[in-house]
């Protein structure tokens, strides 16, 4: 939710990446609902 630097690192190494979260981030606090890193991942499981 906060790291543009991590998002850029994932994008720059060009390995297929899948993001996971134990909880449903879309049903949590407002600040947790957007994943910056999701856009550079091939899938997300939450």
ModelCIF file with pLDDT and N, C-alpha, C, O atoms, coordinates in Angstrom:
data_MODEL
#
_entry.id   MODEL 
#
_entity.id                         1 
_entity.type                       polymer 
_entity.pdbx_number_of_molecules   1 
#
_entity_poly.entity_id                      1 
_entity_poly.type                           'polypeptide(L)' 
_entity_poly.nstd_linkage                   no 
_entity_poly.nstd_monomer                   no 
_entity_poly.pdbx_seq_one_letter_code       
;(UNK)(UNK)(UNK)(UNK)(UNK)(UNK)(UNK)(UNK)(UNK)(UNK)(UNK)(UNK)(UNK)(UNK)(UNK)(UNK)
(UNK)(UNK)(UNK)(UNK)(UNK)(UNK)(UNK)(UNK)(UNK)(UNK)(UNK)(UNK)(UNK)(UNK)(UNK)(UNK)
(UNK)(UNK)(UNK)(UNK)(UNK)(UNK)(UNK)(UNK)(UNK)(UNK)(UNK)(UNK)(UNK)(UNK)
;
_entity_poly.pdbx_seq_one_letter_code_can   XXXXXXXXXXXXXXXXXXXXXXXXXXXXXXXXXXXXXXXXXXXXXX 
_entity_poly.pdbx_strand_id                 A 
#
loop_
_entity_poly_seq.entity_id 
_entity_poly_seq.num 
_entity_poly_seq.mon_id 
_entity_poly_seq.hetero 
1 1  UNK n 
1 2  UNK n 
1 3  UNK n 
1 4  UNK n 
1 5  UNK n 
1 6  UNK n 
1 7  UNK n 
1 8  UNK n 
1 9  UNK n 
1 10 UNK n 
1 11 UNK n 
1 12 UNK n 
1 13 UNK n 
1 14 UNK n 
1 15 UNK n 
1 16 UNK n 
1 17 UNK n 
1 18 UNK n 
1 19 UNK n 
1 20 UNK n 
1 21 UNK n 
1 22 UNK n 
1 23 UNK n 
1 24 UNK n 
1 25 UNK n 
1 26 UNK n 
1 27 UNK n 
1 28 UNK n 
1 29 UNK n 
1 30 UNK n 
1 31 UNK n 
1 32 UNK n 
1 33 UNK n 
1 34 UNK n 
1 35 UNK n 
1 36 UNK n 
1 37 UNK n 
1 38 UNK n 
1 39 UNK n 
1 40 UNK n 
1 41 UNK n 
1 42 UNK n 
1 43 UNK n 
1 44 UNK n 
1 45 UNK n 
1 46 UNK n 
#
_struct_asym.id          A 
_struct_asym.entity_id   1 
#
loop_
_ma_qa_metric.id 
_ma_qa_metric.mode 
_ma_qa_metric.name 
_ma_qa_metric.software_group_id 
_ma_qa_metric.type 
1 global pLDDT . pLDDT 
2 local  pLDDT . pLDDT 
#
_ma_qa_metric_global.metric_id      1 
_ma_qa_metric_global.metric_value   93.63 
_ma_qa_metric_global.model_id       1 
_ma_qa_metric_global.ordinal_id     1 
#
loop_
_ma_qa_metric_local.label_asym_id 
_ma_qa_metric_local.label_comp_id 
_ma_qa_metric_local.label_seq_id 
_ma_qa_metric_local.metric_id 
_ma_qa_metric_local.metric_value 
_ma_qa_metric_local.model_id 
_ma_qa_metric_local.ordinal_id 
A UNK 1  2 96.00 1 1  
A UNK 2  2 95.00 1 2  
A UNK 3  2 97.00 1 3  
A UNK 4  2 98.00 1 4  
A UNK 5  2 98.00 1 5  
A UNK 6  2 98.00 1 6  
A UNK 7  2 98.00 1 7  
A UNK 8  2 98.00 1 8  
A UNK 9  2 98.00 1 9  
A UNK 10 2 98.00 1 10 
A UNK 11 2 98.00 1 11 
A UNK 12 2 97.00 1 12 
A UNK 13 2 96.00 1 13 
A UNK 14 2 91.00 1 14 
A UNK 15 2 97.00 1 15 
A UNK 16 2 98.00 1 16 
A UNK 17 2 98.00 1 17 
A UNK 18 2 98.00 1 18 
A UNK 19 2 98.00 1 19 
A UNK 20 2 98.00 1 20 
A UNK 21 2 97.00 1 21 
A UNK 22 2 94.00 1 22 
A UNK 23 2 91.00 1 23 
A UNK 24 2 91.00 1 24 
A UNK 25 2 90.00 1 25 
A UNK 26 2 84.00 1 26 
A UNK 27 2 86.00 1 27 
A UNK 28 2 79.00 1 28 
A UNK 29 2 76.00 1 29 
A UNK 30 2 84.00 1 30 
A UNK 31 2 75.00 1 31 
A UNK 32 2 78.00 1 32 
A UNK 33 2 86.00 1 33 
A UNK 34 2 89.00 1 34 
A UNK 35 2 95.00 1 35 
A UNK 36 2 95.00 1 36 
A UNK 37 2 97.00 1 37 
A UNK 38 2 97.00 1 38 
A UNK 39 2 96.00 1 39 
A UNK 40 2 98.00 1 40 
A UNK 41 2 98.00 1 41 
A UNK 42 2 97.00 1 42 
A UNK 43 2 98.00 1 43 
A UNK 44 2 98.00 1 44 
A UNK 45 2 98.00 1 45 
A UNK 46 2 97.00 1 46 
#
loop_
_atom_site.group_PDB 
_atom_site.id 
_atom_site.type_symbol 
_atom_site.label_atom_id 
_atom_site.label_alt_id 
_atom_site.label_comp_id 
_atom_site.label_asym_id 
_atom_site.label_entity_id 
_atom_site.label_seq_id 
_atom_site.pdbx_PDB_ins_code 
_atom_site.Cartn_x 
_atom_site.Cartn_y 
_atom_site.Cartn_z 
_atom_site.occupancy 
_atom_site.B_iso_or_equiv 
_atom_site.pdbx_formal_charge 
_atom_site.auth_seq_id 
_atom_site.auth_comp_id 
_atom_site.auth_asym_id 
_atom_site.auth_atom_id 
_atom_site.pdbx_PDB_model_num 
ATOM 1   N N  . UNK A 1 1  ? 0.804   -1.220  0.000   1.00 96.00 ? 1  UNK A N  1 
ATOM 2   C CA . UNK A 1 1  ? 0.000   0.000   0.000   1.00 96.00 ? 1  UNK A CA 1 
ATOM 3   C C  . UNK A 1 1  ? 0.839   1.273   0.000   1.00 96.00 ? 1  UNK A C  1 
ATOM 4   O O  . UNK A 1 1  ? 0.312   2.368   -0.197  1.00 96.00 ? 1  UNK A O  1 
ATOM 5   N N  . UNK A 1 2  ? 2.140   1.130   0.220   1.00 95.00 ? 2  UNK A N  1 
ATOM 6   C CA . UNK A 1 2  ? 2.960   2.330   0.435   1.00 95.00 ? 2  UNK A CA 1 
ATOM 7   C C  . UNK A 1 2  ? 4.230   2.415   -0.397  1.00 95.00 ? 2  UNK A C  1 
ATOM 8   O O  . UNK A 1 2  ? 4.801   3.498   -0.524  1.00 95.00 ? 2  UNK A O  1 
ATOM 9   N N  . UNK A 1 3  ? 4.687   1.315   -0.965  1.00 97.00 ? 3  UNK A N  1 
ATOM 10  C CA . UNK A 1 3  ? 6.040   1.304   -1.511  1.00 97.00 ? 3  UNK A CA 1 
ATOM 11  C C  . UNK A 1 3  ? 6.098   1.351   -3.036  1.00 97.00 ? 3  UNK A C  1 
ATOM 12  O O  . UNK A 1 3  ? 5.972   0.329   -3.710  1.00 97.00 ? 3  UNK A O  1 
ATOM 13  N N  . UNK A 1 4  ? 6.289   2.541   -3.554  1.00 98.00 ? 4  UNK A N  1 
ATOM 14  C CA . UNK A 1 4  ? 6.553   2.685   -4.979  1.00 98.00 ? 4  UNK A CA 1 
ATOM 15  C C  . UNK A 1 4  ? 7.901   2.046   -5.298  1.00 98.00 ? 4  UNK A C  1 
ATOM 16  O O  . UNK A 1 4  ? 8.076   1.482   -6.378  1.00 98.00 ? 4  UNK A O  1 
ATOM 17  N N  . UNK A 1 5  ? 8.845   2.127   -4.381  1.00 98.00 ? 5  UNK A N  1 
ATOM 18  C CA . UNK A 1 5  ? 10.174  1.541   -4.592  1.00 98.00 ? 5  UNK A CA 1 
ATOM 19  C C  . UNK A 1 5  ? 10.091  0.021   -4.766  1.00 98.00 ? 5  UNK A C  1 
ATOM 20  O O  . UNK A 1 5  ? 10.772  -0.535  -5.628  1.00 98.00 ? 5  UNK A O  1 
ATOM 21  N N  . UNK A 1 6  ? 9.279   -0.648  -3.973  1.00 98.00 ? 6  UNK A N  1 
ATOM 22  C CA . UNK A 1 6  ? 9.122   -2.094  -4.125  1.00 98.00 ? 6  UNK A CA 1 
ATOM 23  C C  . UNK A 1 6  ? 8.410   -2.408  -5.435  1.00 98.00 ? 6  UNK A C  1 
ATOM 24  O O  . UNK A 1 6  ? 8.778   -3.358  -6.126  1.00 98.00 ? 6  UNK A O  1 
ATOM 25  N N  . UNK A 1 7  ? 7.417   -1.638  -5.775  1.00 98.00 ? 7  UNK A N  1 
ATOM 26  C CA . UNK A 1 7  ? 6.717   -1.812  -7.048  1.00 98.00 ? 7  UNK A CA 1 
ATOM 27  C C  . UNK A 1 7  ? 7.696   -1.697  -8.209  1.00 98.00 ? 7  UNK A C  1 
ATOM 28  O O  . UNK A 1 7  ? 7.677   -2.513  -9.131  1.00 98.00 ? 7  UNK A O  1 
ATOM 29  N N  . UNK A 1 8  ? 8.545   -0.686  -8.158  1.00 98.00 ? 8  UNK A N  1 
ATOM 30  C CA . UNK A 1 8  ? 9.521   -0.484  -9.220  1.00 98.00 ? 8  UNK A CA 1 
ATOM 31  C C  . UNK A 1 8  ? 10.551  -1.605  -9.268  1.00 98.00 ? 8  UNK A C  1 
ATOM 32  O O  . UNK A 1 8  ? 10.988  -1.994  -10.351 1.00 98.00 ? 8  UNK A O  1 
ATOM 33  N N  . UNK A 1 9  ? 10.939  -2.123  -8.127  1.00 98.00 ? 9  UNK A N  1 
ATOM 34  C CA . UNK A 1 9  ? 11.894  -3.235  -8.084  1.00 98.00 ? 9  UNK A CA 1 
ATOM 35  C C  . UNK A 1 9  ? 11.305  -4.474  -8.751  1.00 98.00 ? 9  UNK A C  1 
ATOM 36  O O  . UNK A 1 9  ? 11.982  -5.143  -9.532  1.00 98.00 ? 9  UNK A O  1 
ATOM 37  N N  . UNK A 1 10 ? 10.054  -4.779  -8.447  1.00 98.00 ? 10 UNK A N  1 
ATOM 38  C CA . UNK A 1 10 ? 9.393   -5.938  -9.061  1.00 98.00 ? 10 UNK A CA 1 
ATOM 39  C C  . UNK A 1 10 ? 9.325   -5.746  -10.576 1.00 98.00 ? 10 UNK A C  1 
ATOM 40  O O  . UNK A 1 10 ? 9.604   -6.675  -11.335 1.00 98.00 ? 10 UNK A O  1 
ATOM 41  N N  . UNK A 1 11 ? 8.960   -4.565  -11.006 1.00 98.00 ? 11 UNK A N  1 
ATOM 42  C CA . UNK A 1 11 ? 8.868   -4.288  -12.441 1.00 98.00 ? 11 UNK A CA 1 
ATOM 43  C C  . UNK A 1 11 ? 10.232  -4.385  -13.121 1.00 98.00 ? 11 UNK A C  1 
ATOM 44  O O  . UNK A 1 11 ? 10.335  -4.878  -14.244 1.00 98.00 ? 11 UNK A O  1 
ATOM 45  N N  . UNK A 1 12 ? 11.265  -3.920  -12.448 1.00 97.00 ? 12 UNK A N  1 
ATOM 46  C CA . UNK A 1 12 ? 12.578  -3.836  -13.089 1.00 97.00 ? 12 UNK A CA 1 
ATOM 47  C C  . UNK A 1 12 ? 13.262  -5.187  -13.256 1.00 97.00 ? 12 UNK A C  1 
ATOM 48  O O  . UNK A 1 12 ? 14.091  -5.342  -14.152 1.00 97.00 ? 12 UNK A O  1 
ATOM 49  N N  . UNK A 1 13 ? 12.941  -6.158  -12.425 1.00 96.00 ? 13 UNK A N  1 
ATOM 50  C CA . UNK A 1 13 ? 13.645  -7.447  -12.545 1.00 96.00 ? 13 UNK A CA 1 
ATOM 51  C C  . UNK A 1 13 ? 12.953  -8.398  -13.518 1.00 96.00 ? 13 UNK A C  1 
ATOM 52  O O  . UNK A 1 13 ? 13.517  -9.434  -13.872 1.00 96.00 ? 13 UNK A O  1 
ATOM 53  N N  . UNK A 1 14 ? 11.761  -8.066  -13.945 1.00 91.00 ? 14 UNK A N  1 
ATOM 54  C CA . UNK A 1 14 ? 11.059  -8.780  -15.005 1.00 91.00 ? 14 UNK A CA 1 
ATOM 55  C C  . UNK A 1 14 ? 10.915  -10.280 -14.763 1.00 91.00 ? 14 UNK A C  1 
ATOM 56  O O  . UNK A 1 14 ? 11.051  -11.074 -15.694 1.00 91.00 ? 14 UNK A O  1 
ATOM 57  N N  . UNK A 1 15 ? 10.643  -10.667 -13.533 1.00 97.00 ? 15 UNK A N  1 
ATOM 58  C CA . UNK A 1 15 ? 10.288  -12.055 -13.218 1.00 97.00 ? 15 UNK A CA 1 
ATOM 59  C C  . UNK A 1 15 ? 8.794   -12.105 -12.948 1.00 97.00 ? 15 UNK A C  1 
ATOM 60  O O  . UNK A 1 15 ? 8.252   -11.194 -12.322 1.00 97.00 ? 15 UNK A O  1 
ATOM 61  N N  . UNK A 1 16 ? 8.112   -13.159 -13.412 1.00 98.00 ? 16 UNK A N  1 
ATOM 62  C CA . UNK A 1 16 ? 6.693   -13.245 -13.083 1.00 98.00 ? 16 UNK A CA 1 
ATOM 63  C C  . UNK A 1 16 ? 6.516   -13.274 -11.567 1.00 98.00 ? 16 UNK A C  1 
ATOM 64  O O  . UNK A 1 16 ? 7.155   -14.050 -10.857 1.00 98.00 ? 16 UNK A O  1 
ATOM 65  N N  . UNK A 1 17 ? 5.638   -12.413 -11.105 1.00 98.00 ? 17 UNK A N  1 
ATOM 66  C CA . UNK A 1 17 ? 5.441   -12.247 -9.663  1.00 98.00 ? 17 UNK A CA 1 
ATOM 67  C C  . UNK A 1 17 ? 3.959   -12.352 -9.348  1.00 98.00 ? 17 UNK A C  1 
ATOM 68  O O  . UNK A 1 17 ? 3.116   -11.792 -10.049 1.00 98.00 ? 17 UNK A O  1 
ATOM 69  N N  . UNK A 1 18 ? 3.662   -13.074 -8.291  1.00 98.00 ? 18 UNK A N  1 
ATOM 70  C CA . UNK A 1 18 ? 2.289   -13.174 -7.800  1.00 98.00 ? 18 UNK A CA 1 
ATOM 71  C C  . UNK A 1 18 ? 2.254   -12.631 -6.383  1.00 98.00 ? 18 UNK A C  1 
ATOM 72  O O  . UNK A 1 18 ? 3.067   -12.996 -5.534  1.00 98.00 ? 18 UNK A O  1 
ATOM 73  N N  . UNK A 1 19 ? 1.296   -11.753 -6.151  1.00 98.00 ? 19 UNK A N  1 
ATOM 74  C CA . UNK A 1 19 ? 1.109   -11.124 -4.848  1.00 98.00 ? 19 UNK A CA 1 
ATOM 75  C C  . UNK A 1 19 ? 0.046   -11.875 -4.061  1.00 98.00 ? 19 UNK A C  1 
ATOM 76  O O  . UNK A 1 19 ? -0.991  -12.255 -4.604  1.00 98.00 ? 19 UNK A O  1 
ATOM 77  N N  . UNK A 1 20 ? 0.313   -12.083 -2.778  1.00 98.00 ? 20 UNK A N  1 
ATOM 78  C CA . UNK A 1 20 ? -0.663  -12.734 -1.906  1.00 98.00 ? 20 UNK A CA 1 
ATOM 79  C C  . UNK A 1 20 ? -0.833  -11.927 -0.620  1.00 98.00 ? 20 UNK A C  1 
ATOM 80  O O  . UNK A 1 20 ? 0.074   -11.226 -0.171  1.00 98.00 ? 20 UNK A O  1 
ATOM 81  N N  . UNK A 1 21 ? -2.020  -12.052 -0.052  1.00 97.00 ? 21 UNK A N  1 
ATOM 82  C CA . UNK A 1 21 ? -2.320  -11.477 1.260   1.00 97.00 ? 21 UNK A CA 1 
ATOM 83  C C  . UNK A 1 21 ? -3.220  -12.451 2.008   1.00 97.00 ? 21 UNK A C  1 
ATOM 84  O O  . UNK A 1 21 ? -4.117  -13.052 1.417   1.00 97.00 ? 21 UNK A O  1 
ATOM 85  N N  . UNK A 1 22 ? -2.986  -12.605 3.279   1.00 94.00 ? 22 UNK A N  1 
ATOM 86  C CA . UNK A 1 22 ? -3.812  -13.494 4.098   1.00 94.00 ? 22 UNK A CA 1 
ATOM 87  C C  . UNK A 1 22 ? -5.233  -12.965 4.226   1.00 94.00 ? 22 UNK A C  1 
ATOM 88  O O  . UNK A 1 22 ? -6.196  -13.731 4.224   1.00 94.00 ? 22 UNK A O  1 
ATOM 89  N N  . UNK A 1 23 ? -5.352  -11.654 4.337   1.00 91.00 ? 23 UNK A N  1 
ATOM 90  C CA . UNK A 1 23 ? -6.669  -11.039 4.524   1.00 91.00 ? 23 UNK A CA 1 
ATOM 91  C C  . UNK A 1 23 ? -7.166  -10.445 3.213   1.00 91.00 ? 23 UNK A C  1 
ATOM 92  O O  . UNK A 1 23 ? -6.411  -10.302 2.251   1.00 91.00 ? 23 UNK A O  1 
ATOM 93  N N  . UNK A 1 24 ? -8.438  -10.105 3.193   1.00 91.00 ? 24 UNK A N  1 
ATOM 94  C CA . UNK A 1 24 ? -9.015  -9.439  2.030   1.00 91.00 ? 24 UNK A CA 1 
ATOM 95  C C  . UNK A 1 24 ? -8.776  -7.943  2.182   1.00 91.00 ? 24 UNK A C  1 
ATOM 96  O O  . UNK A 1 24 ? -9.507  -7.254  2.893   1.00 91.00 ? 24 UNK A O  1 
ATOM 97  N N  . UNK A 1 25 ? -7.751  -7.456  1.508   1.00 90.00 ? 25 UNK A N  1 
ATOM 98  C CA . UNK A 1 25 ? -7.373  -6.051  1.672   1.00 90.00 ? 25 UNK A CA 1 
ATOM 99  C C  . UNK A 1 25 ? -8.481  -5.100  1.219   1.00 90.00 ? 25 UNK A C  1 
ATOM 100 O O  . UNK A 1 25 ? -8.508  -3.943  1.639   1.00 90.00 ? 25 UNK A O  1 
ATOM 101 N N  . UNK A 1 26 ? -9.385  -5.567  0.376   1.00 84.00 ? 26 UNK A N  1 
ATOM 102 C CA . UNK A 1 26 ? -10.471 -4.717  -0.109  1.00 84.00 ? 26 UNK A CA 1 
ATOM 103 C C  . UNK A 1 26 ? -11.571 -4.514  0.942   1.00 84.00 ? 26 UNK A C  1 
ATOM 104 O O  . UNK A 1 26 ? -12.444 -3.660  0.786   1.00 84.00 ? 26 UNK A O  1 
ATOM 105 N N  . UNK A 1 27 ? -11.514 -5.307  2.004   1.00 86.00 ? 27 UNK A N  1 
ATOM 106 C CA . UNK A 1 27 ? -12.508 -5.184  3.078   1.00 86.00 ? 27 UNK A CA 1 
ATOM 107 C C  . UNK A 1 27 ? -11.881 -4.675  4.371   1.00 86.00 ? 27 UNK A C  1 
ATOM 108 O O  . UNK A 1 27 ? -12.496 -4.736  5.435   1.00 86.00 ? 27 UNK A O  1 
ATOM 109 N N  . UNK A 1 28 ? -10.671 -4.179  4.272   1.00 79.00 ? 28 UNK A N  1 
ATOM 110 C CA . UNK A 1 28 ? -9.966  -3.671  5.449   1.00 79.00 ? 28 UNK A CA 1 
ATOM 111 C C  . UNK A 1 28 ? -10.076 -2.151  5.508   1.00 79.00 ? 28 UNK A C  1 
ATOM 112 O O  . UNK A 1 28 ? -10.938 -1.562  4.856   1.00 79.00 ? 28 UNK A O  1 
ATOM 113 N N  . UNK A 1 29 ? -9.218  -1.527  6.276   1.00 76.00 ? 29 UNK A N  1 
ATOM 114 C CA . UNK A 1 29 ? -9.200  -0.077  6.400   1.00 76.00 ? 29 UNK A CA 1 
ATOM 115 C C  . UNK A 1 29 ? -8.970  0.554   5.026   1.00 76.00 ? 29 UNK A C  1 
ATOM 116 O O  . UNK A 1 29 ? -8.370  -0.055  4.141   1.00 76.00 ? 29 UNK A O  1 
ATOM 117 N N  . UNK A 1 30 ? -9.454  1.776   4.867   1.00 84.00 ? 30 UNK A N  1 
ATOM 118 C CA . UNK A 1 30 ? -9.326  2.468   3.579   1.00 84.00 ? 30 UNK A CA 1 
ATOM 119 C C  . UNK A 1 30 ? -7.897  2.478   3.059   1.00 84.00 ? 30 UNK A C  1 
ATOM 120 O O  . UNK A 1 30 ? -7.672  2.269   1.867   1.00 84.00 ? 30 UNK A O  1 
ATOM 121 N N  . UNK A 1 31 ? -6.929  2.717   3.938   1.00 75.00 ? 31 UNK A N  1 
ATOM 122 C CA . UNK A 1 31 ? -5.540  2.834   3.496   1.00 75.00 ? 31 UNK A CA 1 
ATOM 123 C C  . UNK A 1 31 ? -4.951  1.507   3.026   1.00 75.00 ? 31 UNK A C  1 
ATOM 124 O O  . UNK A 1 31 ? -3.884  1.498   2.412   1.00 75.00 ? 31 UNK A O  1 
ATOM 125 N N  . UNK A 1 32 ? -5.619  0.384   3.298   1.00 78.00 ? 32 UNK A N  1 
ATOM 126 C CA . UNK A 1 32 ? -5.136  -0.933  2.857   1.00 78.00 ? 32 UNK A CA 1 
ATOM 127 C C  . UNK A 1 32 ? -5.803  -1.408  1.561   1.00 78.00 ? 32 UNK A C  1 
ATOM 128 O O  . UNK A 1 32 ? -5.425  -2.453  1.031   1.00 78.00 ? 32 UNK A O  1 
ATOM 129 N N  . UNK A 1 33 ? -6.747  -0.692  1.062   1.00 86.00 ? 33 UNK A N  1 
ATOM 130 C CA . UNK A 1 33 ? -7.562  -1.194  -0.052  1.00 86.00 ? 33 UNK A CA 1 
ATOM 131 C C  . UNK A 1 33 ? -6.894  -1.099  -1.425  1.00 86.00 ? 33 UNK A C  1 
ATOM 132 O O  . UNK A 1 33 ? -7.313  -1.781  -2.360  1.00 86.00 ? 33 UNK A O  1 
ATOM 133 N N  . UNK A 1 34 ? -5.878  -0.276  -1.556  1.00 89.00 ? 34 UNK A N  1 
ATOM 134 C CA . UNK A 1 34 ? -5.191  -0.142  -2.838  1.00 89.00 ? 34 UNK A CA 1 
ATOM 135 C C  . UNK A 1 34 ? -3.808  -0.770  -2.729  1.00 89.00 ? 34 UNK A C  1 
ATOM 136 O O  . UNK A 1 34 ? -3.040  -0.453  -1.821  1.00 89.00 ? 34 UNK A O  1 
ATOM 137 N N  . UNK A 1 35 ? -3.502  -1.656  -3.657  1.00 95.00 ? 35 UNK A N  1 
ATOM 138 C CA . UNK A 1 35 ? -2.179  -2.259  -3.724  1.00 95.00 ? 35 UNK A CA 1 
ATOM 139 C C  . UNK A 1 35 ? -1.397  -1.611  -4.859  1.00 95.00 ? 35 UNK A C  1 
ATOM 140 O O  . UNK A 1 35 ? -1.762  -1.734  -6.028  1.00 95.00 ? 35 UNK A O  1 
ATOM 141 N N  . UNK A 1 36 ? -0.341  -0.934  -4.510  1.00 95.00 ? 36 UNK A N  1 
ATOM 142 C CA . UNK A 1 36 ? 0.542   -0.319  -5.503  1.00 95.00 ? 36 UNK A CA 1 
ATOM 143 C C  . UNK A 1 36 ? 1.265   -1.401  -6.293  1.00 95.00 ? 36 UNK A C  1 
ATOM 144 O O  . UNK A 1 36 ? 1.526   -1.231  -7.484  1.00 95.00 ? 36 UNK A O  1 
ATOM 145 N N  . UNK A 1 37 ? 1.588   -2.505  -5.643  1.00 97.00 ? 37 UNK A N  1 
ATOM 146 C CA . UNK A 1 37 ? 2.390   -3.561  -6.266  1.00 97.00 ? 37 UNK A CA 1 
ATOM 147 C C  . UNK A 1 37 ? 1.581   -4.461  -7.200  1.00 97.00 ? 37 UNK A C  1 
ATOM 148 O O  . UNK A 1 37 ? 2.156   -5.118  -8.067  1.00 97.00 ? 37 UNK A O  1 
ATOM 149 N N  . UNK A 1 38 ? 0.283   -4.499  -7.041  1.00 97.00 ? 38 UNK A N  1 
ATOM 150 C CA . UNK A 1 38 ? -0.550  -5.400  -7.843  1.00 97.00 ? 38 UNK A CA 1 
ATOM 151 C C  . UNK A 1 38 ? -0.359  -5.205  -9.344  1.00 97.00 ? 38 UNK A C  1 
ATOM 152 O O  . UNK A 1 38 ? -0.358  -6.179  -10.097 1.00 97.00 ? 38 UNK A O  1 
ATOM 153 N N  . UNK A 1 39 ? -0.202  -3.982  -9.779  1.00 96.00 ? 39 UNK A N  1 
ATOM 154 C CA . UNK A 1 39 ? -0.115  -3.681  -11.195 1.00 96.00 ? 39 UNK A CA 1 
ATOM 155 C C  . UNK A 1 39 ? 1.093   -4.263  -11.912 1.00 96.00 ? 39 UNK A C  1 
ATOM 156 O O  . UNK A 1 39 ? 1.096   -4.344  -13.140 1.00 96.00 ? 39 UNK A O  1 
ATOM 157 N N  . UNK A 1 40 ? 2.113   -4.665  -11.178 1.00 98.00 ? 40 UNK A N  1 
ATOM 158 C CA . UNK A 1 40 ? 3.296   -5.271  -11.797 1.00 98.00 ? 40 UNK A CA 1 
ATOM 159 C C  . UNK A 1 40 ? 3.371   -6.777  -11.513 1.00 98.00 ? 40 UNK A C  1 
ATOM 160 O O  . UNK A 1 40 ? 4.396   -7.417  -11.748 1.00 98.00 ? 40 UNK A O  1 
ATOM 161 N N  . UNK A 1 41 ? 2.278   -7.319  -11.009 1.00 98.00 ? 41 UNK A N  1 
ATOM 162 C CA . UNK A 1 41 ? 2.195   -8.755  -10.728 1.00 98.00 ? 41 UNK A CA 1 
ATOM 163 C C  . UNK A 1 41 ? 1.268   -9.420  -11.744 1.00 98.00 ? 41 UNK A C  1 
ATOM 164 O O  . UNK A 1 41 ? 0.356   -8.779  -12.266 1.00 98.00 ? 41 UNK A O  1 
ATOM 165 N N  . UNK A 1 42 ? 1.498   -10.694 -12.021 1.00 97.00 ? 42 UNK A N  1 
ATOM 166 C CA . UNK A 1 42 ? 0.665   -11.402 -12.990 1.00 97.00 ? 42 UNK A CA 1 
ATOM 167 C C  . UNK A 1 42 ? -0.665  -11.837 -12.383 1.00 97.00 ? 42 UNK A C  1 
ATOM 168 O O  . UNK A 1 42 ? -1.621  -12.119 -13.105 1.00 97.00 ? 42 UNK A O  1 
ATOM 169 N N  . UNK A 1 43 ? -0.720  -11.890 -11.049 1.00 98.00 ? 43 UNK A N  1 
ATOM 170 C CA . UNK A 1 43 ? -1.970  -12.253 -10.372 1.00 98.00 ? 43 UNK A CA 1 
ATOM 171 C C  . UNK A 1 43 ? -1.867  -11.848 -8.909  1.00 98.00 ? 43 UNK A C  1 
ATOM 172 O O  . UNK A 1 43 ? -0.788  -11.550 -8.397  1.00 98.00 ? 43 UNK A O  1 
ATOM 173 N N  . UNK A 1 44 ? -3.024  -11.847 -8.253  1.00 98.00 ? 44 UNK A N  1 
ATOM 174 C CA . UNK A 1 44 ? -3.096  -11.534 -6.833  1.00 98.00 ? 44 UNK A CA 1 
ATOM 175 C C  . UNK A 1 44 ? -4.114  -12.478 -6.192  1.00 98.00 ? 44 UNK A C  1 
ATOM 176 O O  . UNK A 1 44 ? -5.205  -12.677 -6.724  1.00 98.00 ? 44 UNK A O  1 
ATOM 177 N N  . UNK A 1 45 ? -3.750  -13.054 -5.051  1.00 98.00 ? 45 UNK A N  1 
ATOM 178 C CA . UNK A 1 45 ? -4.651  -13.914 -4.286  1.00 98.00 ? 45 UNK A CA 1 
ATOM 179 C C  . UNK A 1 45 ? -4.750  -13.344 -2.880  1.00 98.00 ? 45 UNK A C  1 
ATOM 180 O O  . UNK A 1 45 ? -3.742  -13.156 -2.200  1.00 98.00 ? 45 UNK A O  1 
ATOM 181 N N  . UNK A 1 46 ? -5.991  -13.071 -2.450  1.00 97.00 ? 46 UNK A N  1 
ATOM 182 C CA . UNK A 1 46 ? -6.192  -12.400 -1.163  1.00 97.00 ? 46 UNK A CA 1 
ATOM 183 C C  . UNK A 1 46 ? -7.361  -13.017 -0.405  1.00 97.00 ? 46 UNK A C  1 
ATOM 184 O O  . UNK A 1 46 ? -7.679  -12.581 0.701   1.00 97.00 ? 46 UNK A O  1 
#
